Amino acid sequence: MSTDRPPSREQRHPLQVHVRRLRTDRHLVRVVGDLDLHTASHLADVLQPLVLTGGHSLLVDLSDVAFLDSAGLTCLIAVYRTARSTGARVALIAPSERVRRMLALTGTDQVLHSYASPDAVPD
Protein backbone atom coordinates (compact mmCIF):
# COMPACT_ATOMS: atom_id res chain seq x y z
CA MET A 1 0.00 0.00 0.00
CA SER A 2 1.38 3.38 -1.01
CA THR A 3 1.33 6.41 1.27
CA ASP A 4 1.51 9.20 -1.29
CA ARG A 5 -0.30 11.70 0.90
CA PRO A 6 1.39 15.09 1.04
CA PRO A 7 2.87 15.95 4.43
CA SER A 8 0.69 17.97 6.77
CA ARG A 9 1.43 21.66 7.26
CA GLU A 10 3.04 20.91 10.65
CA GLN A 11 5.39 18.37 9.10
CA ARG A 12 6.41 20.80 6.37
CA HIS A 13 7.07 23.80 8.63
CA PRO A 14 7.34 22.78 12.28
CA LEU A 15 7.53 25.74 14.62
CA GLN A 16 10.86 26.49 16.24
CA VAL A 17 11.12 28.99 19.08
CA HIS A 18 14.46 30.33 20.29
CA VAL A 19 14.66 32.55 23.37
CA ARG A 20 17.63 34.79 24.06
CA ARG A 21 18.01 37.22 26.95
CA LEU A 22 19.28 40.54 25.63
CA ARG A 23 19.54 42.06 29.09
CA THR A 24 17.90 41.47 32.46
CA ASP A 25 14.60 43.07 31.44
CA ARG A 26 14.46 42.18 27.73
CA HIS A 27 14.08 38.89 25.84
CA LEU A 28 14.25 38.24 22.12
CA VAL A 29 12.13 35.33 20.92
CA ARG A 30 12.85 34.16 17.38
CA VAL A 31 9.98 32.25 15.78
CA VAL A 32 10.63 30.07 12.73
CA GLY A 33 8.01 28.19 10.71
CA ASP A 34 4.22 28.33 10.55
CA LEU A 35 2.28 29.94 13.37
CA ASP A 36 -1.09 28.25 13.09
CA LEU A 37 -3.68 26.09 14.82
CA HIS A 38 -1.17 23.28 15.29
CA THR A 39 1.70 25.37 16.65
CA ALA A 40 0.23 28.43 18.41
CA SER A 41 -0.07 26.67 21.77
CA HIS A 42 3.64 25.87 21.71
CA LEU A 43 4.49 29.53 21.19
CA ALA A 44 2.03 30.58 23.90
CA ASP A 45 3.70 28.15 26.32
CA VAL A 46 7.00 29.93 25.71
CA LEU A 47 5.77 33.54 25.65
CA GLN A 48 3.25 33.64 28.49
CA PRO A 49 5.77 32.96 31.31
CA LEU A 50 8.07 35.64 29.92
CA VAL A 51 5.40 38.35 30.16
CA LEU A 52 4.13 37.29 33.57
CA THR A 53 7.11 39.09 35.08
CA GLY A 54 6.03 42.72 35.04
CA GLY A 55 8.24 45.41 33.56
CA HIS A 56 9.94 43.15 31.06
CA SER A 57 10.07 43.71 27.33
CA LEU A 58 9.43 40.81 24.99
CA LEU A 59 10.60 41.19 21.41
CA VAL A 60 9.06 38.59 19.10
CA ASP A 61 11.04 38.15 15.88
CA LEU A 62 8.60 37.02 13.17
CA SER A 63 10.93 37.45 10.19
CA ASP A 64 11.04 33.69 9.59
CA VAL A 65 7.33 32.99 10.03
CA ALA A 66 6.06 31.67 6.72
CA PHE A 67 2.36 31.51 7.63
CA LEU A 68 0.10 33.09 10.27
CA ASP A 69 -3.52 32.08 10.75
CA SER A 70 -6.21 33.20 13.21
CA ALA A 71 -4.93 30.84 15.94
CA GLY A 72 -1.45 32.33 15.66
CA LEU A 73 -2.90 35.82 15.71
CA THR A 74 -4.97 34.95 18.78
CA CYS A 75 -1.81 33.70 20.49
CA LEU A 76 -0.02 37.00 19.88
CA ILE A 77 -3.02 39.02 21.09
CA ALA A 78 -3.35 36.89 24.24
CA VAL A 79 0.32 37.45 25.03
CA TYR A 80 -0.15 41.18 24.46
CA ARG A 81 -3.11 41.25 26.85
CA THR A 82 -1.20 39.37 29.53
CA ALA A 83 1.73 41.75 29.11
CA ARG A 84 -0.55 44.77 29.49
CA SER A 85 -1.99 43.40 32.71
CA THR A 86 1.47 42.78 34.22
CA GLY A 87 3.20 45.92 33.02
CA ALA A 88 5.34 44.04 30.49
CA ARG A 89 5.71 45.15 26.86
CA VAL A 90 5.48 43.17 23.63
CA ALA A 91 6.90 44.30 20.29
CA LEU A 92 7.12 42.47 16.99
CA ILE A 93 10.43 42.41 15.15
CA ALA A 94 10.64 42.36 11.35
CA PRO A 95 7.45 40.44 10.57
CA SER A 96 7.58 38.72 7.21
CA GLU A 97 5.51 40.20 4.38
CA ARG A 98 2.78 37.56 4.79
CA VAL A 99 2.58 38.23 8.52
CA ARG A 100 2.50 42.01 7.99
CA ARG A 101 -0.43 41.60 5.60
CA MET A 102 -2.36 39.54 8.14
CA LEU A 103 -1.64 42.04 10.92
CA ALA A 104 -2.79 44.94 8.71
CA LEU A 105 -5.86 43.10 7.43
CA THR A 106 -7.08 42.44 10.98
CA GLY A 107 -6.03 45.81 12.42
CA THR A 108 -3.70 44.08 14.86
CA ASP A 109 -0.82 46.21 13.59
CA GLN A 110 -2.49 49.13 15.39
CA VAL A 111 -2.03 47.36 18.74
CA LEU A 112 1.09 45.22 18.29
CA HIS A 113 3.79 47.54 17.05
CA SER A 114 6.51 46.29 14.71
CA TYR A 115 10.13 47.38 14.46
CA ALA A 116 12.83 46.60 11.91
CA SER A 117 15.28 45.27 14.51
CA PRO A 118 15.60 44.75 18.27
CA ASP A 119 17.79 47.89 18.45
CA ALA A 120 14.94 49.98 16.99
CA VAL A 121 12.58 49.21 19.89
CA PRO A 122 12.47 52.11 22.36
CA ASP A 123 13.32 51.41 25.99
C-alpha atoms as a PDB file:
ATOM      1  CA  MET A   1       0.000   0.000   0.000  1.00  0.00           C
ATOM      2  CA  SER A   2       1.376   3.382  -1.013  1.00  0.00           C
ATOM      3  CA  THR A   3       1.328   6.414   1.270  1.00  0.00           C
ATOM      4  CA  ASP A   4       1.513   9.202  -1.288  1.00  0.00           C
ATOM      5  CA  ARG A   5      -0.302  11.701   0.897  1.00  0.00           C
ATOM      6  CA  PRO A   6       1.385  15.091   1.038  1.00  0.00           C
ATOM      7  CA  PRO A   7       2.875  15.953   4.425  1.00  0.00           C
ATOM      8  CA  SER A   8       0.692  17.969   6.767  1.00  0.00           C
ATOM      9  CA  ARG A   9       1.435  21.664   7.259  1.00  0.00           C
ATOM     10  CA  GLU A  10       3.040  20.913  10.652  1.00  0.00           C
ATOM     11  CA  GLN A  11       5.388  18.365   9.095  1.00  0.00           C
ATOM     12  CA  ARG A  12       6.414  20.804   6.367  1.00  0.00           C
ATOM     13  CA  HIS A  13       7.070  23.797   8.630  1.00  0.00           C
ATOM     14  CA  PRO A  14       7.340  22.780  12.280  1.00  0.00           C
ATOM     15  CA  LEU A  15       7.529  25.735  14.622  1.00  0.00           C
ATOM     16  CA  GLN A  16      10.862  26.490  16.237  1.00  0.00           C
ATOM     17  CA  VAL A  17      11.116  28.986  19.079  1.00  0.00           C
ATOM     18  CA  HIS A  18      14.463  30.327  20.285  1.00  0.00           C
ATOM     19  CA  VAL A  19      14.658  32.555  23.371  1.00  0.00           C
ATOM     20  CA  ARG A  20      17.625  34.794  24.065  1.00  0.00           C
ATOM     21  CA  ARG A  21      18.007  37.222  26.950  1.00  0.00           C
ATOM     22  CA  LEU A  22      19.282  40.537  25.625  1.00  0.00           C
ATOM     23  CA  ARG A  23      19.536  42.059  29.093  1.00  0.00           C
ATOM     24  CA  THR A  24      17.901  41.473  32.460  1.00  0.00           C
ATOM     25  CA  ASP A  25      14.595  43.070  31.437  1.00  0.00           C
ATOM     26  CA  ARG A  26      14.464  42.176  27.727  1.00  0.00           C
ATOM     27  CA  HIS A  27      14.078  38.885  25.843  1.00  0.00           C
ATOM     28  CA  LEU A  28      14.254  38.238  22.119  1.00  0.00           C
ATOM     29  CA  VAL A  29      12.131  35.330  20.922  1.00  0.00           C
ATOM     30  CA  ARG A  30      12.849  34.163  17.378  1.00  0.00           C
ATOM     31  CA  VAL A  31       9.980  32.249  15.783  1.00  0.00           C
ATOM     32  CA  VAL A  32      10.627  30.071  12.733  1.00  0.00           C
ATOM     33  CA  GLY A  33       8.006  28.190  10.711  1.00  0.00           C
ATOM     34  CA  ASP A  34       4.223  28.332  10.548  1.00  0.00           C
ATOM     35  CA  LEU A  35       2.281  29.938  13.372  1.00  0.00           C
ATOM     36  CA  ASP A  36      -1.087  28.253  13.092  1.00  0.00           C
ATOM     37  CA  LEU A  37      -3.676  26.095  14.823  1.00  0.00           C
ATOM     38  CA  HIS A  38      -1.172  23.277  15.295  1.00  0.00           C
ATOM     39  CA  THR A  39       1.702  25.374  16.652  1.00  0.00           C
ATOM     40  CA  ALA A  40       0.226  28.428  18.408  1.00  0.00           C
ATOM     41  CA  SER A  41      -0.074  26.670  21.771  1.00  0.00           C
ATOM     42  CA  HIS A  42       3.641  25.865  21.715  1.00  0.00           C
ATOM     43  CA  LEU A  43       4.486  29.529  21.186  1.00  0.00           C
ATOM     44  CA  ALA A  44       2.029  30.581  23.902  1.00  0.00           C
ATOM     45  CA  ASP A  45       3.695  28.149  26.324  1.00  0.00           C
ATOM     46  CA  VAL A  46       7.005  29.927  25.711  1.00  0.00           C
ATOM     47  CA  LEU A  47       5.772  33.537  25.648  1.00  0.00           C
ATOM     48  CA  GLN A  48       3.254  33.643  28.491  1.00  0.00           C
ATOM     49  CA  PRO A  49       5.767  32.960  31.313  1.00  0.00           C
ATOM     50  CA  LEU A  50       8.071  35.635  29.917  1.00  0.00           C
ATOM     51  CA  VAL A  51       5.404  38.354  30.160  1.00  0.00           C
ATOM     52  CA  LEU A  52       4.132  37.295  33.567  1.00  0.00           C
ATOM     53  CA  THR A  53       7.112  39.091  35.082  1.00  0.00           C
ATOM     54  CA  GLY A  54       6.030  42.720  35.037  1.00  0.00           C
ATOM     55  CA  GLY A  55       8.237  45.411  33.560  1.00  0.00           C
ATOM     56  CA  HIS A  56       9.944  43.151  31.061  1.00  0.00           C
ATOM     57  CA  SER A  57      10.066  43.707  27.326  1.00  0.00           C
ATOM     58  CA  LEU A  58       9.426  40.814  24.995  1.00  0.00           C
ATOM     59  CA  LEU A  59      10.600  41.189  21.410  1.00  0.00           C
ATOM     60  CA  VAL A  60       9.063  38.590  19.102  1.00  0.00           C
ATOM     61  CA  ASP A  61      11.039  38.147  15.881  1.00  0.00           C
ATOM     62  CA  LEU A  62       8.605  37.023  13.168  1.00  0.00           C
ATOM     63  CA  SER A  63      10.927  37.452  10.193  1.00  0.00           C
ATOM     64  CA  ASP A  64      11.041  33.688   9.590  1.00  0.00           C
ATOM     65  CA  VAL A  65       7.333  32.994  10.034  1.00  0.00           C
ATOM     66  CA  ALA A  66       6.059  31.673   6.720  1.00  0.00           C
ATOM     67  CA  PHE A  67       2.360  31.510   7.627  1.00  0.00           C
ATOM     68  CA  LEU A  68       0.097  33.086  10.269  1.00  0.00           C
ATOM     69  CA  ASP A  69      -3.525  32.084  10.751  1.00  0.00           C
ATOM     70  CA  SER A  70      -6.205  33.200  13.207  1.00  0.00           C
ATOM     71  CA  ALA A  71      -4.932  30.844  15.937  1.00  0.00           C
ATOM     72  CA  GLY A  72      -1.446  32.329  15.656  1.00  0.00           C
ATOM     73  CA  LEU A  73      -2.896  35.817  15.707  1.00  0.00           C
ATOM     74  CA  THR A  74      -4.973  34.951  18.782  1.00  0.00           C
ATOM     75  CA  CYS A  75      -1.812  33.699  20.492  1.00  0.00           C
ATOM     76  CA  LEU A  76      -0.024  37.001  19.881  1.00  0.00           C
ATOM     77  CA  ILE A  77      -3.020  39.022  21.088  1.00  0.00           C
ATOM     78  CA  ALA A  78      -3.351  36.890  24.241  1.00  0.00           C
ATOM     79  CA  VAL A  79       0.319  37.452  25.034  1.00  0.00           C
ATOM     80  CA  TYR A  80      -0.146  41.181  24.463  1.00  0.00           C
ATOM     81  CA  ARG A  81      -3.113  41.249  26.853  1.00  0.00           C
ATOM     82  CA  THR A  82      -1.203  39.369  29.529  1.00  0.00           C
ATOM     83  CA  ALA A  83       1.725  41.748  29.110  1.00  0.00           C
ATOM     84  CA  ARG A  84      -0.552  44.765  29.494  1.00  0.00           C
ATOM     85  CA  SER A  85      -1.994  43.397  32.712  1.00  0.00           C
ATOM     86  CA  THR A  86       1.467  42.777  34.221  1.00  0.00           C
ATOM     87  CA  GLY A  87       3.204  45.924  33.016  1.00  0.00           C
ATOM     88  CA  ALA A  88       5.341  44.037  30.487  1.00  0.00           C
ATOM     89  CA  ARG A  89       5.713  45.147  26.859  1.00  0.00           C
ATOM     90  CA  VAL A  90       5.481  43.172  23.625  1.00  0.00           C
ATOM     91  CA  ALA A  91       6.905  44.303  20.289  1.00  0.00           C
ATOM     92  CA  LEU A  92       7.125  42.466  16.988  1.00  0.00           C
ATOM     93  CA  ILE A  93      10.429  42.410  15.151  1.00  0.00           C
ATOM     94  CA  ALA A  94      10.638  42.364  11.346  1.00  0.00           C
ATOM     95  CA  PRO A  95       7.453  40.440  10.567  1.00  0.00           C
ATOM     96  CA  SER A  96       7.581  38.719   7.206  1.00  0.00           C
ATOM     97  CA  GLU A  97       5.506  40.202   4.381  1.00  0.00           C
ATOM     98  CA  ARG A  98       2.781  37.559   4.794  1.00  0.00           C
ATOM     99  CA  VAL A  99       2.582  38.230   8.525  1.00  0.00           C
ATOM    100  CA  ARG A 100       2.499  42.014   7.989  1.00  0.00           C
ATOM    101  CA  ARG A 101      -0.429  41.604   5.599  1.00  0.00           C
ATOM    102  CA  MET A 102      -2.364  39.536   8.137  1.00  0.00           C
ATOM    103  CA  LEU A 103      -1.643  42.040  10.921  1.00  0.00           C
ATOM    104  CA  ALA A 104      -2.788  44.936   8.711  1.00  0.00           C
ATOM    105  CA  LEU A 105      -5.865  43.100   7.431  1.00  0.00           C
ATOM    106  CA  THR A 106      -7.077  42.442  10.983  1.00  0.00           C
ATOM    107  CA  GLY A 107      -6.029  45.812  12.420  1.00  0.00           C
ATOM    108  CA  THR A 108      -3.698  44.080  14.857  1.00  0.00           C
ATOM    109  CA  ASP A 109      -0.824  46.215  13.590  1.00  0.00           C
ATOM    110  CA  GLN A 110      -2.494  49.132  15.389  1.00  0.00           C
ATOM    111  CA  VAL A 111      -2.027  47.361  18.738  1.00  0.00           C
ATOM    112  CA  LEU A 112       1.087  45.223  18.295  1.00  0.00           C
ATOM    113  CA  HIS A 113       3.789  47.542  17.051  1.00  0.00           C
ATOM    114  CA  SER A 114       6.515  46.290  14.708  1.00  0.00           C
ATOM    115  CA  TYR A 115      10.126  47.378  14.456  1.00  0.00           C
ATOM    116  CA  ALA A 116      12.835  46.603  11.911  1.00  0.00           C
ATOM    117  CA  SER A 117      15.283  45.267  14.510  1.00  0.00           C
ATOM    118  CA  PRO A 118      15.603  44.754  18.271  1.00  0.00           C
ATOM    119  CA  ASP A 119      17.785  47.886  18.448  1.00  0.00           C
ATOM    120  CA  ALA A 120      14.940  49.985  16.995  1.00  0.00           C
ATOM    121  CA  VAL A 121      12.580  49.206  19.893  1.00  0.00           C
ATOM    122  CA  PRO A 122      12.475  52.108  22.359  1.00  0.00           C
ATOM    123  CA  ASP A 123      13.317  51.405  25.988  1.00  0.00           C
END
